[in-house]
Protein backbone atom coordinates (compact mmCIF):
# COMPACT_ATOMS: atom_id res chain seq x y z
CA MET A 1 -0.08 -0.07 0.01
CA THR A 2 1.33 3.25 -0.86
CA PHE A 3 1.13 6.32 1.27
CA ARG A 4 -1.13 8.02 -1.38
CA ALA A 5 -3.60 5.20 -1.42
CA PHE A 6 -3.47 5.17 2.46
CA LEU A 7 -4.47 9.02 2.39
CA ARG A 8 -7.19 8.16 0.01
CA ASP A 9 -8.52 5.62 2.31
CA ARG A 10 -8.49 7.95 5.35
CA VAL A 11 -10.17 11.09 3.37
CA ALA A 12 -13.19 10.81 5.62
CA TYR A 13 -11.12 10.94 8.71
CA ILE A 14 -9.22 13.91 7.54
CA ALA A 15 -12.19 15.89 6.50
CA VAL A 16 -13.89 15.14 9.94
CA TYR A 17 -10.83 16.56 11.58
CA ALA A 18 -10.71 19.60 9.44
CA ALA A 19 -14.38 20.23 10.21
CA PHE A 20 -13.83 20.03 13.71
CA GLY A 21 -10.84 22.46 13.61
CA LEU A 22 -13.04 25.00 11.60
CA VAL A 23 -15.90 24.63 14.26
CA THR A 24 -13.40 24.93 17.14
CA VAL A 25 -11.87 28.14 15.64
CA THR A 26 -15.40 29.55 14.72
CA VAL A 27 -16.37 28.98 18.45
CA VAL A 28 -13.47 30.45 19.85
CA ARG A 29 -13.46 33.51 17.50
CA LEU A 30 -17.27 34.02 18.37
CA ASP A 31 -16.61 33.74 22.05
CA LEU A 32 -13.76 36.32 21.92
CA PHE A 33 -15.90 38.66 19.69
CA LEU A 34 -18.86 38.53 22.07
CA SER A 35 -16.46 39.31 25.09
CA GLY A 36 -14.91 42.17 23.09
CA SER A 37 -11.54 40.54 22.54
CA ASP A 38 -9.95 39.39 19.13
CA LEU A 39 -7.72 36.59 18.14
CA GLU A 40 -4.83 37.43 15.87
CA TYR A 41 -4.48 35.41 12.67
CA ALA A 42 -0.83 34.40 13.67
CA ASN A 43 -2.25 32.60 16.70
CA LEU A 44 -4.81 30.89 14.56
CA ALA A 45 -2.06 29.93 12.23
CA TYR A 46 -0.10 28.52 15.09
CA LEU A 47 -3.16 26.59 16.24
CA PHE A 48 -3.69 25.14 12.76
CA LEU A 49 0.00 24.08 12.53
CA LEU A 50 0.00 22.33 15.85
CA GLY A 51 -3.04 20.65 14.70
CA LEU A 52 -1.77 19.73 11.42
CA VAL A 53 1.47 18.27 12.72
CA GLY A 54 -0.40 16.05 15.21
CA LEU A 55 -2.61 14.78 12.59
CA ALA A 56 0.37 14.12 10.23
CA ALA A 57 2.08 12.30 13.07
CA TYR A 58 -0.78 10.18 13.60
CA LEU A 59 -1.37 9.40 10.06
CA TRP A 60 2.27 8.58 9.58
CA TYR A 61 2.17 6.18 12.67
CA ASP A 62 -1.10 4.58 11.35
CA PHE A 63 0.34 4.18 7.84
CA GLN A 64 3.47 2.23 9.43
CA ARG A 65 1.27 -0.04 11.46
CA GLN A 66 -1.02 -0.75 8.43
CA ALA A 67 1.68 -1.16 5.91
CA ALA A 68 2.74 -4.44 7.35
CA PHE A 69 -0.61 -5.78 6.20
C-alpha cells in the first residue's frame, strides 16, 4: 500500500478532523468577539499548524502500522 492510497482511504477521517478544527476556531472567535476581544491570525495559524503536525504524526504512525498488512 502506498502512502497516497492510504491517504485516499483516510479522506473521511481527514475531512472530519478539518471540520472539527473549523468549528473549534469559529466557536473561539465568536466567544472572543462577544467578550470584546480578538484572536490574531498568527495565533490561528499556530493552532492550525499544531493540529496539522499532530494529524500528520498520527497518519504516519497509522500508515506504518497498516503497511505490514
